[in-house]
Amino acid sequence: MRKFGLIGYPLGHSFSKKYFSEKFLNENIDDCSYENYPIPDISQLKDLLSVESELCGLNVTIPYKTDVIRFLSYIDPEAEEIGAVNVLKIEHFGKELKISGFNSDIDGIRATLEQYLNGKVKNAIVLGTGGGSKAVCHVLKKAGIKISIVSRSRKQGILDYSDVDRDLVKKSGLIINTTPLGMFPNIEFKPELDYNLLNSEHILFDLVYNPEVTSFLSEGLKRGCTAISGLKMLHSQADKSWEIWNNNNL
């Protein structure tokens, strides 16, 4: 039995197990399973790999997309460039393990946004600085879009939420939430923006997919914005993960 799974903490919000379990059932893949592995500390990855000796691949979610890099034997150049990994390919050579790291978020984000990155969007606001934010910024930069990154505390090159004023919102046609704010079960939370500055010219994209319409997206919909759920990204990056796990040339 080939085993796959998801590491992160907590994992109550995740649809990954459901997605892969249904994939295996629908495609008559009867030699694979997928499980959630909530680990409170990334240092527990070694113990997990020791206990689950049939693991061939893992997805990585909040908050370990950066911290997991130190456990890798190999990192894909694009994942290394952005400094975040969300797919582990695990190969067994006797008692030795080769752990390779990739980033399928890039593919999921690109697939989700490609129809909107048509030259009309020149500036974007990216909320958050974690692994998802790194992948988003990578895709936007490749598309030639100027980015303003926003976090809870101001640093060099990073704004805080009080800096997101009328002028910045007006010129930013795309606003992307890469934080876990609004994720199940805390669905009432949302980034601290002045949502009254939004209008029908704005596109809002939330990497959170549970719930499908987050509080962040709901505020945009009230004001006529285009709202993009994280579900398409989830499906696209999951398919890319499966491709990586089954590609013998990687």
C-alpha atoms as a PDB file:
ATOM      1  CA  MET A   1       0.000   0.000   0.000  1.00  0.00           C
ATOM      2  CA  ARG A   2       1.352   3.407  -0.997  1.00  0.00           C
ATOM      3  CA  LYS A   3       0.538   5.976   1.660  1.00  0.00           C
ATOM      4  CA  PHE A   4       0.156   9.724   1.211  1.00  0.00           C
ATOM      5  CA  GLY A   5      -1.028  12.429   3.556  1.00  0.00           C
ATOM      6  CA  LEU A   6      -1.057  15.972   4.875  1.00  0.00           C
ATOM      7  CA  ILE A   7       1.008  17.521   7.661  1.00  0.00           C
ATOM      8  CA  GLY A   8       0.230  20.809   9.400  1.00  0.00           C
ATOM      9  CA  TYR A   9      -1.480  21.985  12.558  1.00  0.00           C
ATOM     10  CA  PRO A  10      -4.407  22.076  13.014  1.00  0.00           C
ATOM     11  CA  LEU A  11      -5.982  20.168  10.111  1.00  0.00           C
ATOM     12  CA  GLY A  12      -9.701  20.342  10.866  1.00  0.00           C
ATOM     13  CA  HIS A  13     -10.209  22.769   7.967  1.00  0.00           C
ATOM     14  CA  SER A  14      -8.601  20.607   5.291  1.00  0.00           C
ATOM     15  CA  PHE A  15     -10.404  18.996   2.355  1.00  0.00           C
ATOM     16  CA  SER A  16      -7.292  17.205   1.080  1.00  0.00           C
ATOM     17  CA  LYS A  17      -8.120  13.791   2.542  1.00  0.00           C
ATOM     18  CA  LYS A  18     -11.629  13.942   1.083  1.00  0.00           C
ATOM     19  CA  TYR A  19     -10.281  15.026  -2.300  1.00  0.00           C
ATOM     20  CA  PHE A  20      -7.720  12.237  -2.596  1.00  0.00           C
ATOM     21  CA  SER A  21      -9.992   9.561  -1.100  1.00  0.00           C
ATOM     22  CA  GLU A  22     -12.623  10.379  -3.722  1.00  0.00           C
ATOM     23  CA  LYS A  23      -9.963  10.445  -6.446  1.00  0.00           C
ATOM     24  CA  PHE A  24      -8.729   6.981  -5.496  1.00  0.00           C
ATOM     25  CA  LEU A  25     -12.298   5.657  -5.411  1.00  0.00           C
ATOM     26  CA  ASN A  26     -13.400   7.253  -8.688  1.00  0.00           C
ATOM     27  CA  GLU A  27     -10.263   6.202 -10.576  1.00  0.00           C
ATOM     28  CA  ASN A  28     -10.163   2.675  -9.106  1.00  0.00           C
ATOM     29  CA  ILE A  29      -6.804   3.295  -7.446  1.00  0.00           C
ATOM     30  CA  ASP A  30      -6.939   0.606  -4.785  1.00  0.00           C
ATOM     31  CA  ASP A  31      -3.297   0.497  -3.699  1.00  0.00           C
ATOM     32  CA  CYS A  32      -3.156   4.020  -2.221  1.00  0.00           C
ATOM     33  CA  SER A  33      -4.462   5.770   0.885  1.00  0.00           C
ATOM     34  CA  TYR A  34      -4.365   9.357   2.158  1.00  0.00           C
ATOM     35  CA  GLU A  35      -4.457  10.439   5.799  1.00  0.00           C
ATOM     36  CA  ASN A  36      -4.204  13.620   7.842  1.00  0.00           C
ATOM     37  CA  TYR A  37      -1.202  13.852  10.165  1.00  0.00           C
ATOM     38  CA  PRO A  38      -1.656  16.830  12.508  1.00  0.00           C
ATOM     39  CA  ILE A  39       1.733  17.427  14.126  1.00  0.00           C
ATOM     40  CA  PRO A  40       1.977  20.222  16.724  1.00  0.00           C
ATOM     41  CA  ASP A  41       5.671  20.737  15.947  1.00  0.00           C
ATOM     42  CA  ILE A  42       7.571  20.243  12.674  1.00  0.00           C
ATOM     43  CA  SER A  43      10.295  18.351  14.583  1.00  0.00           C
ATOM     44  CA  GLN A  44       7.795  15.469  14.815  1.00  0.00           C
ATOM     45  CA  LEU A  45       8.131  14.865  11.058  1.00  0.00           C
ATOM     46  CA  LYS A  46      11.065  12.505  11.649  1.00  0.00           C
ATOM     47  CA  ASP A  47       9.019  10.420  14.073  1.00  0.00           C
ATOM     48  CA  LEU A  48       6.135  10.300  11.617  1.00  0.00           C
ATOM     49  CA  LEU A  49       8.372   9.071   8.808  1.00  0.00           C
ATOM     50  CA  SER A  50       9.847   6.441  11.127  1.00  0.00           C
ATOM     51  CA  VAL A  51       6.440   5.107  12.179  1.00  0.00           C
ATOM     52  CA  GLU A  52       4.730   5.384   8.778  1.00  0.00           C
ATOM     53  CA  SER A  53       7.293   3.481   6.724  1.00  0.00           C
ATOM     54  CA  GLU A  54       4.989   3.223   3.673  1.00  0.00           C
ATOM     55  CA  LEU A  55       4.656   6.983   3.215  1.00  0.00           C
ATOM     56  CA  CYS A  56       5.538   7.990  -0.347  1.00  0.00           C
ATOM     57  CA  GLY A  57       4.397  11.600  -0.293  1.00  0.00           C
ATOM     58  CA  LEU A  58       3.071  14.388   1.901  1.00  0.00           C
ATOM     59  CA  ASN A  59       1.350  17.685   1.356  1.00  0.00           C
ATOM     60  CA  VAL A  60       2.431  20.454   3.718  1.00  0.00           C
ATOM     61  CA  THR A  61       0.118  23.187   4.981  1.00  0.00           C
ATOM     62  CA  ILE A  62       0.095  25.967   7.583  1.00  0.00           C
ATOM     63  CA  PRO A  63       2.376  26.609   9.431  1.00  0.00           C
ATOM     64  CA  TYR A  64       5.201  24.429   8.076  1.00  0.00           C
ATOM     65  CA  LYS A  65       5.732  25.376   4.415  1.00  0.00           C
ATOM     66  CA  THR A  66       8.986  27.162   5.261  1.00  0.00           C
ATOM     67  CA  ASP A  67      10.151  25.221   8.320  1.00  0.00           C
ATOM     68  CA  VAL A  68       9.976  21.874   6.507  1.00  0.00           C
ATOM     69  CA  ILE A  69      12.804  22.883   4.160  1.00  0.00           C
ATOM     70  CA  ARG A  70      15.488  21.933   6.663  1.00  0.00           C
ATOM     71  CA  PHE A  71      14.451  18.264   6.452  1.00  0.00           C
ATOM     72  CA  LEU A  72      14.927  17.998   2.690  1.00  0.00           C
ATOM     73  CA  SER A  73      17.509  16.042   0.749  1.00  0.00           C
ATOM     74  CA  TYR A  74      16.608  17.992  -2.401  1.00  0.00           C
ATOM     75  CA  ILE A  75      14.551  21.083  -3.150  1.00  0.00           C
ATOM     76  CA  ASP A  76      13.137  22.005  -6.532  1.00  0.00           C
ATOM     77  CA  PRO A  77      14.751  25.240  -7.810  1.00  0.00           C
ATOM     78  CA  GLU A  78      11.423  27.116  -8.057  1.00  0.00           C
ATOM     79  CA  ALA A  79      10.466  26.120  -4.497  1.00  0.00           C
ATOM     80  CA  GLU A  80      13.920  27.165  -3.305  1.00  0.00           C
ATOM     81  CA  GLU A  81      13.552  30.502  -5.074  1.00  0.00           C
ATOM     82  CA  ILE A  82      10.396  31.390  -3.184  1.00  0.00           C
ATOM     83  CA  GLY A  83      11.436  29.700   0.072  1.00  0.00           C
ATOM     84  CA  ALA A  84       8.340  27.553   0.575  1.00  0.00           C
ATOM     85  CA  VAL A  85       7.487  23.877   0.045  1.00  0.00           C
ATOM     86  CA  ASN A  86       4.068  22.215   0.135  1.00  0.00           C
ATOM     87  CA  VAL A  87       4.805  18.825  -1.468  1.00  0.00           C
ATOM     88  CA  LEU A  88       7.213  16.191  -0.177  1.00  0.00           C
ATOM     89  CA  LYS A  89       8.208  13.215  -2.311  1.00  0.00           C
ATOM     90  CA  ILE A  90       9.557  10.440  -0.096  1.00  0.00           C
ATOM     91  CA  GLU A  91      11.751   7.725  -1.597  1.00  0.00           C
ATOM     92  CA  HIS A  92      13.037   4.707   0.322  1.00  0.00           C
ATOM     93  CA  PHE A  93      16.529   3.315  -0.303  1.00  0.00           C
ATOM     94  CA  GLY A  94      16.873   0.580   2.292  1.00  0.00           C
ATOM     95  CA  LYS A  95      16.991   2.374   5.634  1.00  0.00           C
ATOM     96  CA  GLU A  96      17.789   5.680   3.967  1.00  0.00           C
ATOM     97  CA  LEU A  97      15.161   8.236   2.935  1.00  0.00           C
ATOM     98  CA  LYS A  98      15.377  10.828   0.212  1.00  0.00           C
ATOM     99  CA  ILE A  99      12.929  13.670   0.882  1.00  0.00           C
ATOM    100  CA  SER A 100      12.425  16.031  -2.054  1.00  0.00           C
ATOM    101  CA  GLY A 101      10.502  19.291  -1.748  1.00  0.00           C
ATOM    102  CA  PHE A 102       8.342  21.015  -4.357  1.00  0.00           C
ATOM    103  CA  ASN A 103       5.764  23.802  -4.481  1.00  0.00           C
ATOM    104  CA  SER A 104       2.469  22.944  -6.204  1.00  0.00           C
ATOM    105  CA  ASP A 105       0.848  26.110  -4.813  1.00  0.00           C
ATOM    106  CA  ILE A 106       2.495  27.939  -7.708  1.00  0.00           C
ATOM    107  CA  ASP A 107       0.574  25.826 -10.210  1.00  0.00           C
ATOM    108  CA  GLY A 108      -2.682  26.194  -8.263  1.00  0.00           C
ATOM    109  CA  ILE A 109      -2.374  29.968  -7.994  1.00  0.00           C
ATOM    110  CA  ARG A 110      -1.408  30.356 -11.636  1.00  0.00           C
ATOM    111  CA  ALA A 111      -4.324  28.173 -12.788  1.00  0.00           C
ATOM    112  CA  THR A 112      -6.756  30.121 -10.610  1.00  0.00           C
ATOM    113  CA  LEU A 113      -5.637  33.590 -11.656  1.00  0.00           C
ATOM    114  CA  GLU A 114      -4.638  33.106 -15.303  1.00  0.00           C
ATOM    115  CA  GLN A 115      -7.932  34.397 -16.694  1.00  0.00           C
ATOM    116  CA  TYR A 116      -7.647  37.555 -14.564  1.00  0.00           C
ATOM    117  CA  LEU A 117      -3.969  38.324 -15.253  1.00  0.00           C
ATOM    118  CA  ASN A 118      -4.773  39.717 -18.677  1.00  0.00           C
ATOM    119  CA  GLY A 119      -2.911  42.987 -18.468  1.00  0.00           C
ATOM    120  CA  LYS A 120      -5.694  44.927 -16.756  1.00  0.00           C
ATOM    121  CA  VAL A 121      -4.322  44.339 -13.261  1.00  0.00           C
ATOM    122  CA  LYS A 122      -1.161  46.391 -12.718  1.00  0.00           C
ATOM    123  CA  ASN A 123      -1.005  46.417  -8.909  1.00  0.00           C
ATOM    124  CA  ALA A 124      -1.973  43.903  -6.229  1.00  0.00           C
ATOM    125  CA  ILE A 125      -2.181  43.800  -2.448  1.00  0.00           C
ATOM    126  CA  VAL A 126      -1.063  40.535  -0.839  1.00  0.00           C
ATOM    127  CA  LEU A 127      -2.192  40.002   2.744  1.00  0.00           C
ATOM    128  CA  GLY A 128       0.200  37.822   4.759  1.00  0.00           C
ATOM    129  CA  THR A 129       3.844  36.779   4.567  1.00  0.00           C
ATOM    130  CA  GLY A 130       3.771  32.983   4.989  1.00  0.00           C
ATOM    131  CA  GLY A 131       4.387  30.180   2.513  1.00  0.00           C
ATOM    132  CA  GLY A 132       1.207  30.872   0.559  1.00  0.00           C
ATOM    133  CA  SER A 133       2.156  34.526   0.248  1.00  0.00           C
ATOM    134  CA  LYS A 134       5.569  33.600  -1.137  1.00  0.00           C
ATOM    135  CA  ALA A 135       3.960  31.477  -3.869  1.00  0.00           C
ATOM    136  CA  VAL A 136       1.421  34.207  -4.699  1.00  0.00           C
ATOM    137  CA  CYS A 137       4.122  36.879  -4.966  1.00  0.00           C
ATOM    138  CA  HIS A 138       6.199  34.616  -7.205  1.00  0.00           C
ATOM    139  CA  VAL A 139       3.294  34.167  -9.648  1.00  0.00           C
ATOM    140  CA  LEU A 140       2.379  37.869  -9.626  1.00  0.00           C
ATOM    141  CA  LYS A 141       5.960  38.993 -10.215  1.00  0.00           C
ATOM    142  CA  LYS A 142       6.253  36.624 -13.177  1.00  0.00           C
ATOM    143  CA  ALA A 143       3.090  38.281 -14.544  1.00  0.00           C
ATOM    144  CA  GLY A 144       4.662  41.746 -14.197  1.00  0.00           C
ATOM    145  CA  ILE A 145       2.340  42.915 -11.428  1.00  0.00           C
ATOM    146  CA  LYS A 146       3.562  45.346  -8.775  1.00  0.00           C
ATOM    147  CA  ILE A 147       2.938  43.977  -5.277  1.00  0.00           C
ATOM    148  CA  SER A 148       2.258  45.587  -1.901  1.00  0.00           C
ATOM    149  CA  ILE A 149       2.699  43.015   0.885  1.00  0.00           C
ATOM    150  CA  VAL A 150       0.747  43.619   4.099  1.00  0.00           C
ATOM    151  CA  SER A 151       1.304  42.059   7.525  1.00  0.00           C
ATOM    152  CA  ARG A 152       0.302  42.742  11.113  1.00  0.00           C
ATOM    153  CA  SER A 153       3.618  44.501  11.753  1.00  0.00           C
ATOM    154  CA  ARG A 154       5.491  46.883   9.475  1.00  0.00           C
ATOM    155  CA  LYS A 155       8.960  45.801   8.325  1.00  0.00           C
ATOM    156  CA  GLN A 156      11.270  46.782   5.507  1.00  0.00           C
ATOM    157  CA  GLY A 157       9.341  46.249   2.299  1.00  0.00           C
ATOM    158  CA  ILE A 158       6.195  45.189   4.170  1.00  0.00           C
ATOM    159  CA  LEU A 159       3.257  47.412   5.093  1.00  0.00           C
ATOM    160  CA  ASP A 160       0.938  47.005   8.033  1.00  0.00           C
ATOM    161  CA  TYR A 161      -2.837  47.150   7.770  1.00  0.00           C
ATOM    162  CA  SER A 162      -3.000  50.834   8.708  1.00  0.00           C
ATOM    163  CA  ASP A 163      -1.009  51.610   5.541  1.00  0.00           C
ATOM    164  CA  VAL A 164      -3.756  50.206   3.295  1.00  0.00           C
ATOM    165  CA  ASP A 165      -5.382  53.537   2.520  1.00  0.00           C
ATOM    166  CA  ARG A 166      -7.779  54.780  -0.138  1.00  0.00           C
ATOM    167  CA  ASP A 167      -5.059  55.480  -2.705  1.00  0.00           C
ATOM    168  CA  LEU A 168      -3.467  52.045  -2.374  1.00  0.00           C
ATOM    169  CA  VAL A 169      -6.808  50.240  -2.614  1.00  0.00           C
ATOM    170  CA  LYS A 170      -7.915  52.350  -5.557  1.00  0.00           C
ATOM    171  CA  LYS A 171      -4.869  51.487  -7.673  1.00  0.00           C
ATOM    172  CA  SER A 172      -4.780  47.805  -6.651  1.00  0.00           C
ATOM    173  CA  GLY A 173      -7.148  45.835  -8.839  1.00  0.00           C
ATOM    174  CA  LEU A 174      -6.376  42.546  -7.077  1.00  0.00           C
ATOM    175  CA  ILE A 175      -6.351  41.828  -3.338  1.00  0.00           C
ATOM    176  CA  ILE A 176      -5.294  38.373  -2.154  1.00  0.00           C
ATOM    177  CA  ASN A 177      -5.692  36.956   1.349  1.00  0.00           C
ATOM    178  CA  THR A 178      -2.980  34.398   2.109  1.00  0.00           C
ATOM    179  CA  THR A 179      -3.580  34.402   5.875  1.00  0.00           C
ATOM    180  CA  PRO A 180      -5.703  31.786   7.698  1.00  0.00           C
ATOM    181  CA  LEU A 181      -8.169  34.466   8.805  1.00  0.00           C
ATOM    182  CA  GLY A 182     -11.727  33.255   8.199  1.00  0.00           C
ATOM    183  CA  MET A 183     -10.771  29.581   8.021  1.00  0.00           C
ATOM    184  CA  PHE A 184     -13.106  27.027   9.597  1.00  0.00           C
ATOM    185  CA  PRO A 185     -13.990  26.957  12.465  1.00  0.00           C
ATOM    186  CA  ASN A 186     -13.254  30.681  12.993  1.00  0.00           C
ATOM    187  CA  ILE A 187     -15.271  31.744   9.970  1.00  0.00           C
ATOM    188  CA  GLU A 188     -16.259  35.152  11.329  1.00  0.00           C
ATOM    189  CA  PHE A 189     -12.723  36.552  11.147  1.00  0.00           C
ATOM    190  CA  LYS A 190     -11.349  38.569   8.223  1.00  0.00           C
ATOM    191  CA  PRO A 191      -8.385  40.849   7.480  1.00  0.00           C
ATOM    192  CA  GLU A 192      -8.683  44.318   9.015  1.00  0.00           C
ATOM    193  CA  LEU A 193      -9.334  46.364   5.887  1.00  0.00           C
ATOM    194  CA  ASP A 194     -11.704  49.229   5.165  1.00  0.00           C
ATOM    195  CA  TYR A 195     -13.997  47.210   2.917  1.00  0.00           C
ATOM    196  CA  ASN A 196     -15.986  50.321   2.025  1.00  0.00           C
ATOM    197  CA  LEU A 197     -13.084  51.308  -0.224  1.00  0.00           C
ATOM    198  CA  LEU A 198     -13.867  48.357  -2.522  1.00  0.00           C
ATOM    199  CA  ASN A 199     -15.983  48.504  -5.661  1.00  0.00           C
ATOM    200  CA  SER A 200     -16.884  46.450  -8.716  1.00  0.00           C
ATOM    201  CA  GLU A 201     -13.443  47.062 -10.243  1.00  0.00           C
ATOM    202  CA  HIS A 202     -11.739  44.964  -7.572  1.00  0.00           C
ATOM    203  CA  ILE A 203     -10.920  41.248  -7.662  1.00  0.00           C
ATOM    204  CA  LEU A 204     -10.642  39.437  -4.324  1.00  0.00           C
ATOM    205  CA  PHE A 205      -8.932  36.039  -4.065  1.00  0.00           C
ATOM    206  CA  ASP A 206      -8.839  34.057  -0.816  1.00  0.00           C
ATOM    207  CA  LEU A 207      -6.491  31.084  -0.444  1.00  0.00           C
ATOM    208  CA  VAL A 208      -8.808  29.839   2.310  1.00  0.00           C
ATOM    209  CA  TYR A 209     -11.300  27.377   0.803  1.00  0.00           C
ATOM    210  CA  ASN A 210     -13.223  26.250   3.881  1.00  0.00           C
ATOM    211  CA  PRO A 211     -15.695  27.922   3.888  1.00  0.00           C
ATOM    212  CA  GLU A 212     -15.880  28.442   0.135  1.00  0.00           C
ATOM    213  CA  VAL A 213     -17.145  32.009   0.634  1.00  0.00           C
ATOM    214  CA  THR A 214     -15.133  33.491   3.483  1.00  0.00           C
ATOM    215  CA  SER A 215     -15.971  36.672   5.403  1.00  0.00           C
ATOM    216  CA  PHE A 216     -13.280  38.409   3.332  1.00  0.00           C
ATOM    217  CA  LEU A 217     -14.934  37.388   0.043  1.00  0.00           C
ATOM    218  CA  SER A 218     -18.403  38.117   1.408  1.00  0.00           C
ATOM    219  CA  GLU A 219     -17.455  41.733   2.137  1.00  0.00           C
ATOM    220  CA  GLY A 220     -16.238  42.059  -1.441  1.00  0.00           C
ATOM    221  CA  LEU A 221     -19.389  40.519  -2.915  1.00  0.00           C
ATOM    222  CA  LYS A 222     -21.522  43.037  -1.017  1.00  0.00           C
ATOM    223  CA  ARG A 223     -19.690  45.768  -2.906  1.00  0.00           C
ATOM    224  CA  GLY A 224     -19.788  44.188  -6.342  1.00  0.00           C
ATOM    225  CA  CYS A 225     -16.260  42.753  -6.384  1.00  0.00           C
ATOM    226  CA  THR A 226     -15.248  39.644  -8.298  1.00  0.00           C
ATOM    227  CA  ALA A 227     -14.665  36.971  -5.626  1.00  0.00           C
ATOM    228  CA  ILE A 228     -12.421  33.942  -6.194  1.00  0.00           C
ATOM    229  CA  SER A 229     -12.540  30.994  -3.802  1.00  0.00           C
ATOM    230  CA  GLY A 230      -9.481  28.934  -2.934  1.00  0.00           C
ATOM    231  CA  LEU A 231     -11.180  25.704  -4.078  1.00  0.00           C
ATOM    232  CA  LYS A 232      -9.825  25.785  -7.624  1.00  0.00           C
ATOM    233  CA  MET A 233      -6.352  26.341  -6.239  1.00  0.00           C
ATOM    234  CA  LEU A 234      -6.803  23.372  -3.897  1.00  0.00           C
ATOM    235  CA  HIS A 235      -7.802  21.084  -6.746  1.00  0.00           C
ATOM    236  CA  SER A 236      -5.065  22.304  -9.091  1.00  0.00           C
ATOM    237  CA  GLN A 237      -2.285  21.993  -6.535  1.00  0.00           C
ATOM    238  CA  ALA A 238      -3.555  18.572  -5.429  1.00  0.00           C
ATOM    239  CA  ASP A 239      -3.429  17.318  -9.019  1.00  0.00           C
ATOM    240  CA  LYS A 240       0.102  18.677  -9.338  1.00  0.00           C
ATOM    241  CA  SER A 241       1.064  16.876  -6.120  1.00  0.00           C
ATOM    242  CA  TRP A 242      -0.175  13.583  -7.569  1.00  0.00           C
ATOM    243  CA  GLU A 243       1.828  14.246 -10.728  1.00  0.00           C
ATOM    244  CA  ILE A 244       4.987  14.868  -8.673  1.00  0.00           C
ATOM    245  CA  TRP A 245       4.527  11.732  -6.566  1.00  0.00           C
ATOM    246  CA  ASN A 246       4.156   9.574  -9.676  1.00  0.00           C
ATOM    247  CA  ASN A 247       6.893  11.122 -11.815  1.00  0.00           C
ATOM    248  CA  ASN A 248       9.944   8.859 -11.675  1.00  0.00           C
ATOM    249  CA  ASN A 249      12.079  11.558 -13.286  1.00  0.00           C
ATOM    250  CA  LEU A 250      11.750  13.964 -10.348  1.00  0.00           C
END
